[in-house]
Amino acid sequence: MPTFSIHTYGCQMNVRDSELLARRLRAAGFADAPAEDEADVVLVNSCSVREKAEEKALGKLGMLCAARRERPGLVVGLTGCMANRLGPDVFALVPGLSFSVGPRAAGAAVVDLVRRALAGSKGMLVPDSERGAEDALPAKDAGAGGPPAPASFVTILFGCNQRCSYCIVPFVRGREESRDPRAVLAEVRAEAERGAREITLLGQSVMRYGRMGFAWPDDLPSPMGFTEPLPRLLELLAREVPAIRRLRFTSGHPLGVTPELVRAMREIPAVCAHLHLPMQSGSDRVLKEMRRGYDRARYLDAVRALREGVPDIAITTDVIVGFPGETEEDFELTRSAMEEAAFDNAFVFKYSPRPGTPSAERPDDVPDEEKRRRDQVLLADQDARGQRLNDRWTGRTVEVLADGPSLRNAARWSGRTEQNKIVVFEPVPGLARGDFVQVRIESAHPQTLFGTVGAPCSAP
């Protein structure tokens, strides 16, 4: 029986795509390899959002293809966004690559490509087509396979129409398409049957779910009176799949923070008090150049509405430093906006131009050394802010979804709160992955809480 391994780069959507590709391969008779260097087939699921992610994927592919000198039968395939961006050029960059397939086409094509590659074919290219989101969904009926996980991802929105000036996603992921809520419901039910107790709904701009070329089915009414598609979907999933105790959605956009969405987050118990809401910059001038569609005041109004409407909400963000033309004044405006928003956590990225995007036509005029300095300043600010915010949880008891032994100390376990905060605690007898436990927080670090289990485990 041929074995496979998948190496994933990039966002949560890529993680989900890799899970579904693995299920399809298992359903076709392939088995998980005990280790990557023992696999007959290795897929690299790539990301093009940042230059470094592409460099890592190309380096990985080069190493794998070089290994074919000692393992001539090894099949090496590329999936994901980089396959679309590079097209046929990837075969010159990575001699010996077996095949390259775009993210939307991969689900339907991967089994055939792998079988053909095992039979000796190479240099096969399958770019994405203008296929519908449902047609592109890999392996809806491919069976479970693989170890169950207490938290899982479900994609509800493919592609993106936002066209931010620095972002390559619309070029490599295609136009925006929302999935039918009945298909989403079926997939969430399947994940619950596999043992999931938390679902994160995914989309490049998830709050635009159902906004383009989409009509909500008449046979799925909203008892709570919601009219917007995303709140209606959250209500539907919470009502129809009670085994899912927690619902999240990412990534957000401030223009999607409507009164109805805030009400859904407050009134639907399963919807978590956490939102990842990328800001990118606190400077109106830079935001306009980025084509983000909002200004500083509009962003902060969205944060204020969330904090006023959803008790104990945690808000996290993405920020870019060193965007073309970003001055010290622009940078300081970002610093002050982050403090005003009081983010629980922030992911800071140094700008890198992506080929074909409007911002790539402008001079990349902020020196690398200055980008690193600004990155470090924002991270230090966030550490201080995170410590201050996490200290407020000390002495409180929180519900934690147990995920298993901690990566840094196998003698302890870790899990996450409704606010998506990592909690590390001593395990108790009978504890199982996927259990909900009550943990009293004893101490806090900027990104981690530490506590003691203070109540019996609550099995799903």
Protein backbone atom coordinates (compact mmCIF):
# COMPACT_ATOMS: atom_id res chain seq x y z
CA MET A 1 0.00 0.00 0.00
CA PRO A 2 1.63 3.34 -1.05
CA THR A 3 2.17 5.83 1.75
CA PHE A 4 1.96 9.62 1.75
CA SER A 5 2.96 12.66 3.80
CA ILE A 6 1.77 16.28 3.47
CA HIS A 7 3.90 19.28 4.48
CA THR A 8 1.77 22.41 4.97
CA TYR A 9 2.71 26.09 4.87
CA GLY A 10 0.52 29.12 5.38
CA CYS A 11 -2.92 29.85 6.71
CA GLN A 12 -5.64 27.81 8.40
CA MET A 13 -7.33 27.33 5.03
CA ASN A 14 -4.23 25.48 3.85
CA VAL A 15 -4.32 23.36 7.01
CA ARG A 16 -7.93 22.47 6.23
CA ASP A 17 -7.11 21.77 2.57
CA SER A 18 -4.34 19.40 3.67
CA GLU A 19 -6.71 17.55 5.99
CA LEU A 20 -9.19 17.02 3.17
CA LEU A 21 -6.49 15.95 0.70
CA ALA A 22 -5.29 13.39 3.24
CA ARG A 23 -8.81 12.00 3.64
CA ARG A 24 -9.19 11.67 -0.11
CA LEU A 25 -5.90 9.80 -0.39
CA ARG A 26 -6.85 7.47 2.47
CA ALA A 27 -10.20 6.76 0.85
CA ALA A 28 -8.35 5.86 -2.37
CA GLY A 29 -6.25 3.24 -0.56
CA PHE A 30 -3.16 5.22 0.45
CA ALA A 31 -1.82 5.14 4.02
CA ASP A 32 -0.20 7.75 6.23
CA ALA A 33 3.59 7.38 6.26
CA PRO A 34 5.16 6.90 9.70
CA ALA A 35 7.67 9.62 8.76
CA GLU A 36 8.18 11.92 5.79
CA ASP A 37 11.45 10.25 4.80
CA GLU A 38 9.60 6.91 4.59
CA ALA A 39 6.77 8.16 2.36
CA ASP A 40 6.23 7.08 -1.23
CA VAL A 41 4.45 10.38 -1.93
CA VAL A 42 5.15 13.81 -0.39
CA LEU A 43 2.88 16.76 -1.09
CA VAL A 44 3.94 20.32 -0.27
CA ASN A 45 0.88 22.52 0.29
CA SER A 46 2.23 26.00 -0.35
CA CYS A 47 1.46 29.63 0.47
CA SER A 48 2.18 32.74 -1.63
CA VAL A 49 1.05 35.45 0.77
CA ARG A 50 4.63 36.28 1.79
CA GLU A 51 7.93 35.86 0.04
CA LYS A 52 9.44 33.91 2.93
CA ALA A 53 6.65 31.31 2.77
CA GLU A 54 7.38 30.74 -0.93
CA GLU A 55 11.12 30.51 -0.27
CA LYS A 56 10.53 27.86 2.38
CA ALA A 57 8.27 25.83 0.10
CA LEU A 58 10.71 26.03 -2.83
CA GLY A 59 13.56 24.98 -0.52
CA LYS A 60 11.54 22.05 0.76
CA LEU A 61 10.62 20.93 -2.76
CA GLY A 62 14.25 21.18 -3.86
CA MET A 63 15.40 18.99 -0.97
CA LEU A 64 12.70 16.41 -1.68
CA CYS A 65 13.47 16.25 -5.39
CA ALA A 66 17.19 15.94 -4.64
CA ALA A 67 16.35 12.96 -2.42
CA ARG A 68 15.08 11.16 -5.51
CA ARG A 69 18.69 10.35 -6.35
CA GLU A 70 18.59 7.86 -3.48
CA ARG A 71 14.83 7.21 -3.66
CA PRO A 72 14.07 7.22 -7.41
CA GLY A 73 10.46 6.16 -6.92
CA LEU A 74 9.59 9.12 -4.67
CA VAL A 75 6.68 11.25 -5.91
CA VAL A 76 6.90 14.97 -5.04
CA GLY A 77 3.84 17.13 -5.70
CA LEU A 78 3.08 20.83 -5.21
CA THR A 79 -0.38 22.03 -4.18
CA GLY A 80 -1.69 25.35 -2.91
CA CYS A 81 -1.43 28.99 -3.92
CA MET A 82 2.16 28.86 -5.20
CA ALA A 83 1.09 26.38 -7.89
CA ASN A 84 -1.25 29.01 -9.33
CA ARG A 85 1.20 31.90 -9.04
CA LEU A 86 4.16 30.15 -10.68
CA GLY A 87 2.27 28.07 -13.23
CA PRO A 88 4.57 26.04 -15.53
CA ASP A 89 7.63 28.03 -14.36
CA VAL A 90 7.75 25.91 -11.21
CA PHE A 91 9.15 22.94 -13.15
CA ALA A 92 12.22 24.98 -14.13
CA LEU A 93 12.65 26.15 -10.53
CA VAL A 94 12.24 22.62 -9.14
CA PRO A 95 13.67 20.03 -11.56
CA GLY A 96 12.17 16.61 -10.96
CA LEU A 97 8.85 17.86 -9.56
CA SER A 98 6.16 15.27 -10.31
CA PHE A 99 3.16 17.58 -10.54
CA SER A 100 1.73 20.98 -9.58
CA VAL A 101 -1.96 21.58 -8.87
CA GLY A 102 -3.88 24.67 -7.69
CA PRO A 103 -5.86 24.73 -4.42
CA ARG A 104 -9.32 24.54 -5.97
CA ALA A 105 -8.45 21.79 -8.44
CA ALA A 106 -6.43 19.69 -6.00
CA GLY A 107 -9.33 17.86 -4.37
CA ALA A 108 -10.67 16.48 -7.63
CA ALA A 109 -7.29 15.84 -9.25
CA VAL A 110 -4.85 14.74 -6.57
CA VAL A 111 -5.58 10.98 -6.52
CA ASP A 112 -5.28 10.70 -10.30
CA LEU A 113 -2.08 12.80 -10.32
CA VAL A 114 -0.48 10.69 -7.60
CA ARG A 115 -1.35 7.43 -9.37
CA ARG A 116 0.02 8.72 -12.67
CA ALA A 117 3.20 9.94 -10.96
CA LEU A 118 3.72 6.57 -9.28
CA ALA A 119 3.43 5.04 -12.76
CA GLY A 120 6.24 7.28 -14.00
CA SER A 121 4.60 10.48 -15.28
CA LYS A 122 6.15 13.82 -14.27
CA GLY A 123 5.87 17.53 -15.02
CA MET A 124 2.05 17.43 -14.80
CA LEU A 125 0.31 20.82 -14.31
CA VAL A 126 -3.34 21.29 -13.27
CA PRO A 127 -4.10 24.99 -12.67
CA ASP A 128 -7.32 26.07 -11.02
CA SER A 129 -10.32 26.65 -13.27
CA GLU A 130 -13.40 28.79 -12.76
CA ARG A 131 -15.14 25.90 -11.06
CA GLY A 132 -17.69 26.48 -8.34
CA ALA A 133 -16.76 26.30 -4.69
CA GLU A 134 -18.81 23.14 -4.13
CA ASP A 135 -17.20 21.37 -7.07
CA ALA A 136 -13.78 22.31 -5.74
CA LEU A 137 -14.35 21.02 -2.22
CA PRO A 138 -12.07 18.00 -1.82
CA ALA A 139 -13.49 14.73 -0.59
CA LYS A 140 -16.74 15.62 1.13
CA ASP A 141 -17.54 11.89 1.15
CA ALA A 142 -14.01 10.56 1.53
CA GLY A 143 -14.61 9.06 4.96
CA ALA A 144 -13.09 10.03 8.25
CA GLY A 145 -9.57 8.66 8.39
CA GLY A 146 -6.80 10.05 10.52
CA PRO A 147 -6.91 10.82 14.22
CA PRO A 148 -9.93 12.80 15.46
CA ALA A 149 -9.28 16.30 16.78
CA PRO A 150 -11.34 18.26 19.33
CA ALA A 151 -11.14 21.40 17.16
CA SER A 152 -11.53 21.46 13.40
CA PHE A 153 -11.79 23.88 10.47
CA VAL A 154 -14.56 24.18 7.88
CA THR A 155 -14.20 26.50 4.89
CA ILE A 156 -17.34 28.53 4.10
CA LEU A 157 -15.93 31.15 1.70
CA PHE A 158 -13.47 30.56 -1.14
CA GLY A 159 -11.44 33.29 -2.82
CA CYS A 160 -11.50 37.02 -2.14
CA ASN A 161 -12.80 40.15 -3.87
CA GLN A 162 -11.20 42.68 -1.51
CA ARG A 163 -8.18 43.48 -3.74
CA CYS A 164 -5.94 45.01 -1.07
CA SER A 165 -2.98 46.56 -2.87
CA TYR A 166 -0.36 44.31 -1.25
CA CYS A 167 -2.26 41.01 -1.33
CA ILE A 168 -1.83 38.20 -3.84
CA VAL A 169 -4.73 36.08 -2.53
CA PRO A 170 -7.31 37.22 -5.15
CA PHE A 171 -4.85 36.21 -7.89
CA VAL A 172 -4.06 32.77 -6.50
CA ARG A 173 -7.34 31.85 -4.77
CA GLY A 174 -9.74 33.33 -7.31
CA ARG A 175 -13.04 35.14 -7.02
CA GLU A 176 -15.17 35.07 -3.92
CA GLU A 177 -17.68 32.22 -3.63
CA SER A 178 -19.80 31.25 -0.64
CA ARG A 179 -20.77 27.67 0.08
CA ASP A 180 -24.39 26.62 0.43
CA PRO A 181 -25.31 26.55 4.14
CA ARG A 182 -26.71 23.02 3.78
CA ALA A 183 -23.31 21.80 2.57
CA VAL A 184 -21.61 23.60 5.46
CA LEU A 185 -24.09 22.05 7.90
CA ALA A 186 -23.41 18.56 6.53
CA GLU A 187 -19.67 19.02 6.90
CA VAL A 188 -19.96 20.37 10.45
CA ARG A 189 -22.14 17.38 11.38
CA ALA A 190 -19.49 15.06 9.94
CA GLU A 191 -16.78 16.79 11.97
CA ALA A 192 -18.89 16.43 15.13
CA GLU A 193 -19.29 12.72 14.42
CA ARG A 194 -15.49 12.46 14.18
CA GLY A 195 -15.17 13.99 17.65
CA ALA A 196 -14.85 17.73 17.04
CA ARG A 197 -16.30 19.96 19.75
CA GLU A 198 -15.10 23.25 18.31
CA ILE A 199 -15.39 24.46 14.70
CA THR A 200 -13.67 27.44 13.12
CA LEU A 201 -15.39 28.69 9.98
CA LEU A 202 -12.84 29.86 7.43
CA GLY A 203 -12.76 32.45 4.67
CA GLN A 204 -10.19 34.95 3.45
CA SER A 205 -12.74 37.62 4.34
CA VAL A 206 -15.21 35.46 6.20
CA MET A 207 -17.66 38.22 7.13
CA ARG A 208 -18.50 38.61 3.43
CA TYR A 209 -20.07 35.15 3.52
CA GLY A 210 -23.24 35.21 1.41
CA ARG A 211 -22.75 38.78 0.20
CA MET A 212 -22.04 38.00 -3.49
CA GLY A 213 -24.23 35.98 -5.89
CA PHE A 214 -25.89 34.09 -3.06
CA ALA A 215 -29.47 33.58 -1.86
CA TRP A 216 -30.18 32.09 1.56
CA PRO A 217 -32.42 28.99 1.17
CA ASP A 218 -36.08 29.66 1.98
CA ASP A 219 -36.34 26.36 3.86
CA LEU A 220 -33.78 27.48 6.49
CA PRO A 221 -35.57 30.17 8.54
CA SER A 222 -34.01 32.14 11.39
CA PRO A 223 -35.98 31.78 14.65
CA MET A 224 -33.81 34.54 16.14
CA GLY A 225 -34.73 36.93 13.34
CA PHE A 226 -31.32 37.29 11.69
CA THR A 227 -31.26 38.57 8.11
CA GLU A 228 -27.51 38.58 7.34
CA PRO A 229 -26.01 35.32 6.02
CA LEU A 230 -23.16 34.87 8.53
CA PRO A 231 -25.32 35.34 11.66
CA ARG A 232 -27.92 33.03 10.10
CA LEU A 233 -25.26 30.39 9.46
CA LEU A 234 -23.96 30.63 13.03
CA GLU A 235 -27.49 30.25 14.38
CA LEU A 236 -28.16 27.27 12.08
CA LEU A 237 -25.01 25.40 13.08
CA ALA A 238 -25.51 26.06 16.81
CA ARG A 239 -29.12 24.87 16.65
CA GLU A 240 -28.67 21.81 14.44
CA VAL A 241 -25.33 20.48 15.76
CA PRO A 242 -25.44 20.79 19.57
CA ALA A 243 -22.39 18.53 19.89
CA ILE A 244 -20.35 21.50 18.66
CA ARG A 245 -19.94 23.50 21.84
CA ARG A 246 -17.87 26.28 20.30
CA LEU A 247 -18.05 28.18 16.99
CA ARG A 248 -15.43 30.61 15.71
CA PHE A 249 -14.92 32.38 12.38
CA THR A 250 -11.86 33.98 10.80
CA SER A 251 -10.50 36.22 9.35
CA GLY A 252 -12.66 39.23 10.04
CA HIS A 253 -12.91 42.71 8.53
CA PRO A 254 -14.11 45.82 10.39
CA LEU A 255 -16.77 46.58 7.77
CA GLY A 256 -18.36 43.24 8.65
CA VAL A 257 -18.85 44.19 12.29
CA THR A 258 -22.56 44.95 12.01
CA PRO A 259 -25.03 45.28 14.90
CA GLU A 260 -26.54 41.95 13.83
CA LEU A 261 -23.18 40.18 13.93
CA VAL A 262 -22.46 41.60 17.38
CA ARG A 263 -25.89 40.37 18.53
CA ALA A 264 -25.16 36.91 17.15
CA MET A 265 -21.86 36.78 19.03
CA ARG A 266 -23.59 37.86 22.24
CA GLU A 267 -26.80 35.81 22.06
CA ILE A 268 -25.74 32.50 20.48
CA PRO A 269 -24.03 30.64 23.35
CA ALA A 270 -21.83 28.52 21.08
CA VAL A 271 -20.25 31.53 19.36
CA CYS A 272 -16.97 32.29 21.09
CA ALA A 273 -16.05 35.66 22.56
CA HIS A 274 -13.03 36.01 20.28
CA LEU A 275 -12.43 37.61 16.90
CA HIS A 276 -9.33 37.94 14.75
CA LEU A 277 -9.72 41.35 13.13
CA PRO A 278 -6.71 42.38 10.98
CA MET A 279 -5.93 46.10 11.24
CA GLN A 280 -2.71 46.19 9.14
CA SER A 281 -1.99 49.86 9.94
CA GLY A 282 -3.20 52.64 12.21
CA SER A 283 -2.38 55.39 9.69
CA ASP A 284 -5.19 56.63 7.46
CA ARG A 285 -2.72 57.45 4.71
CA VAL A 286 -1.23 53.96 4.72
CA LEU A 287 -4.64 52.29 4.98
CA LYS A 288 -5.74 54.20 1.88
CA GLU A 289 -2.60 53.09 0.01
CA MET A 290 -3.30 49.52 1.14
CA ARG A 291 -6.89 49.79 -0.20
CA ARG A 292 -8.25 48.36 3.01
CA GLY A 293 -11.64 50.11 2.67
CA TYR A 294 -11.71 51.73 6.12
CA ASP A 295 -9.88 54.35 8.12
CA ARG A 296 -8.52 54.31 11.65
CA ALA A 297 -11.73 55.69 13.19
CA ARG A 298 -13.90 53.09 11.44
CA TYR A 299 -11.66 50.28 12.63
CA LEU A 300 -11.66 51.49 16.23
CA ASP A 301 -15.45 51.96 16.10
CA ALA A 302 -15.72 48.27 15.18
CA VAL A 303 -13.52 47.30 18.12
CA ARG A 304 -15.61 49.48 20.43
CA ALA A 305 -18.85 47.91 19.22
CA LEU A 306 -17.48 44.42 19.86
CA ARG A 307 -16.25 45.26 23.35
CA GLU A 308 -19.53 46.96 24.30
CA GLY A 309 -21.66 44.16 22.89
CA VAL A 310 -19.72 41.00 23.82
CA PRO A 311 -18.57 40.61 27.45
CA ASP A 312 -14.95 39.49 27.93
CA ILE A 313 -14.27 39.40 24.18
CA ALA A 314 -10.65 38.92 23.11
CA ILE A 315 -9.60 40.67 19.90
CA THR A 316 -6.45 39.73 18.00
CA THR A 317 -5.01 41.31 14.87
CA ASP A 318 -2.49 41.37 12.02
CA VAL A 319 -0.22 44.35 11.36
CA ILE A 320 2.22 45.07 8.53
CA VAL A 321 5.31 47.20 9.13
CA GLY A 322 7.45 48.77 6.42
CA PHE A 323 4.73 49.20 3.79
CA PRO A 324 6.06 51.38 0.92
CA GLY A 325 6.21 54.99 2.05
CA GLU A 326 5.49 54.22 5.72
CA THR A 327 7.05 57.03 7.74
CA GLU A 328 7.97 57.12 11.41
CA GLU A 329 4.79 59.13 11.99
CA ASP A 330 2.71 56.44 10.27
CA PHE A 331 4.40 53.79 12.41
CA GLU A 332 3.68 55.70 15.63
CA LEU A 333 0.02 55.97 14.58
CA THR A 334 -0.04 52.17 14.31
CA ARG A 335 1.49 51.88 17.78
CA SER A 336 -1.12 54.17 19.30
CA ALA A 337 -4.00 52.46 17.48
CA MET A 338 -2.87 49.08 18.80
CA GLU A 339 -2.81 50.44 22.33
CA GLU A 340 -6.24 52.04 21.93
CA ALA A 341 -7.68 48.81 20.54
CA ALA A 342 -6.09 46.86 23.44
CA PHE A 343 -5.38 43.76 21.39
CA ASP A 344 -5.03 40.49 23.27
CA ASN A 345 -2.46 39.35 20.72
CA ALA A 346 -0.99 40.63 17.47
CA PHE A 347 0.83 39.02 14.56
CA VAL A 348 3.32 41.48 13.09
CA PHE A 349 4.67 41.00 9.58
CA LYS A 350 7.44 42.80 7.74
CA TYR A 351 6.21 43.95 4.34
CA SER A 352 7.46 42.04 1.32
CA PRO A 353 6.30 42.87 -2.24
CA ARG A 354 4.31 40.18 -4.02
CA PRO A 355 4.63 40.00 -7.82
CA GLY A 356 1.66 41.36 -9.73
CA THR A 357 0.16 43.36 -6.86
CA PRO A 358 -0.23 47.17 -7.13
CA SER A 359 2.00 47.88 -4.14
CA ALA A 360 4.84 45.88 -5.74
CA GLU A 361 5.07 48.63 -8.38
CA ARG A 362 6.09 51.12 -5.68
CA PRO A 363 9.64 51.35 -4.30
CA ASP A 364 10.17 49.07 -1.31
CA ASP A 365 11.75 52.05 0.42
CA VAL A 366 11.75 51.10 4.11
CA PRO A 367 15.14 49.48 4.83
CA ASP A 368 15.10 45.90 6.14
CA GLU A 369 16.85 47.00 9.32
CA GLU A 370 14.11 49.56 9.99
CA LYS A 371 11.41 46.97 9.28
CA ARG A 372 13.01 44.68 11.87
CA ARG A 373 13.18 47.52 14.40
CA ARG A 374 9.52 48.40 13.96
CA ASP A 375 8.59 44.72 14.17
CA GLN A 376 10.45 44.35 17.47
CA VAL A 377 8.94 47.54 18.92
CA LEU A 378 5.39 46.36 18.21
CA LEU A 379 6.09 42.90 19.59
CA ALA A 380 7.53 44.41 22.80
CA ASP A 381 4.46 46.65 23.10
CA GLN A 382 2.23 43.63 22.63
CA ASP A 383 4.07 41.61 25.27
CA ALA A 384 3.47 44.38 27.81
CA ARG A 385 -0.14 44.75 26.76
CA GLY A 386 -0.73 40.99 26.70
CA GLN A 387 0.71 40.65 30.20
CA ARG A 388 -1.56 43.40 31.48
CA LEU A 389 -4.66 41.89 29.89
CA ASN A 390 -3.85 38.32 30.93
CA ASP A 391 -3.20 39.37 34.53
CA ARG A 392 -6.92 40.16 34.73
CA TRP A 393 -7.67 36.44 34.38
CA THR A 394 -5.62 35.47 37.44
CA GLY A 395 -7.90 34.09 40.15
CA ARG A 396 -10.75 33.38 37.74
CA THR A 397 -12.00 29.92 36.74
CA VAL A 398 -12.35 29.35 33.01
CA GLU A 399 -13.59 26.52 30.81
CA VAL A 400 -10.81 24.95 28.75
CA LEU A 401 -11.09 22.55 25.83
CA ALA A 402 -8.27 20.09 26.50
CA ASP A 403 -6.05 19.54 23.48
CA GLY A 404 -3.46 17.15 24.94
CA PRO A 405 0.09 17.30 26.32
CA SER A 406 1.80 20.67 26.08
CA LEU A 407 4.41 20.99 23.34
CA ARG A 408 6.98 22.39 25.75
CA ASN A 409 6.35 20.08 28.68
CA ALA A 410 4.71 16.70 28.07
CA ALA A 411 3.98 16.35 31.79
CA ARG A 412 1.46 19.18 31.48
CA TRP A 413 -1.56 19.57 29.24
CA SER A 414 -2.74 22.59 27.31
CA GLY A 415 -6.00 23.82 25.86
CA ARG A 416 -7.82 27.00 24.93
CA THR A 417 -10.51 29.14 26.48
CA GLU A 418 -13.51 30.60 24.70
CA GLN A 419 -11.32 33.68 24.18
CA ASN A 420 -8.76 31.47 22.40
CA LYS A 421 -6.22 31.96 25.17
CA ILE A 422 -3.76 29.12 25.71
CA VAL A 423 -3.99 27.56 29.18
CA VAL A 424 -1.38 25.15 30.57
CA PHE A 425 -2.39 22.92 33.49
CA GLU A 426 -1.56 19.71 35.33
CA PRO A 427 -3.65 16.80 33.99
CA VAL A 428 -6.00 14.91 36.29
CA PRO A 429 -6.89 11.18 36.20
CA GLY A 430 -9.38 10.32 33.48
CA LEU A 431 -8.68 13.41 31.42
CA ALA A 432 -9.09 12.83 27.68
CA ARG A 433 -8.42 14.96 24.64
CA GLY A 434 -11.61 16.86 23.79
CA ASP A 435 -12.83 17.09 27.39
CA PHE A 436 -13.93 20.43 28.80
CA VAL A 437 -12.32 21.22 32.15
CA GLN A 438 -12.72 24.03 34.65
CA VAL A 439 -9.32 25.57 35.33
CA ARG A 440 -8.52 28.13 37.99
CA ILE A 441 -5.90 30.55 36.64
CA GLU A 442 -2.97 30.89 39.01
CA SER A 443 -0.53 32.95 36.93
CA ALA A 444 -0.21 34.61 33.53
CA HIS A 445 2.38 35.28 30.86
CA PRO A 446 1.85 37.60 27.85
CA GLN A 447 0.49 34.80 25.65
CA THR A 448 -0.21 31.95 28.08
CA LEU A 449 -2.25 31.33 31.22
CA PHE A 450 -1.31 28.73 33.85
CA GLY A 451 -3.77 27.06 36.19
CA THR A 452 -5.10 24.11 38.12
CA VAL A 453 -8.06 21.92 37.24
CA GLY A 454 -10.69 22.84 39.79
CA ALA A 455 -13.67 20.74 38.76
CA PRO A 456 -14.28 17.26 37.32
CA CYS A 457 -13.81 16.77 33.62
CA SER A 458 -16.84 17.33 31.42
CA ALA A 459 -16.79 14.75 28.64
CA PRO A 460 -18.29 15.86 25.31
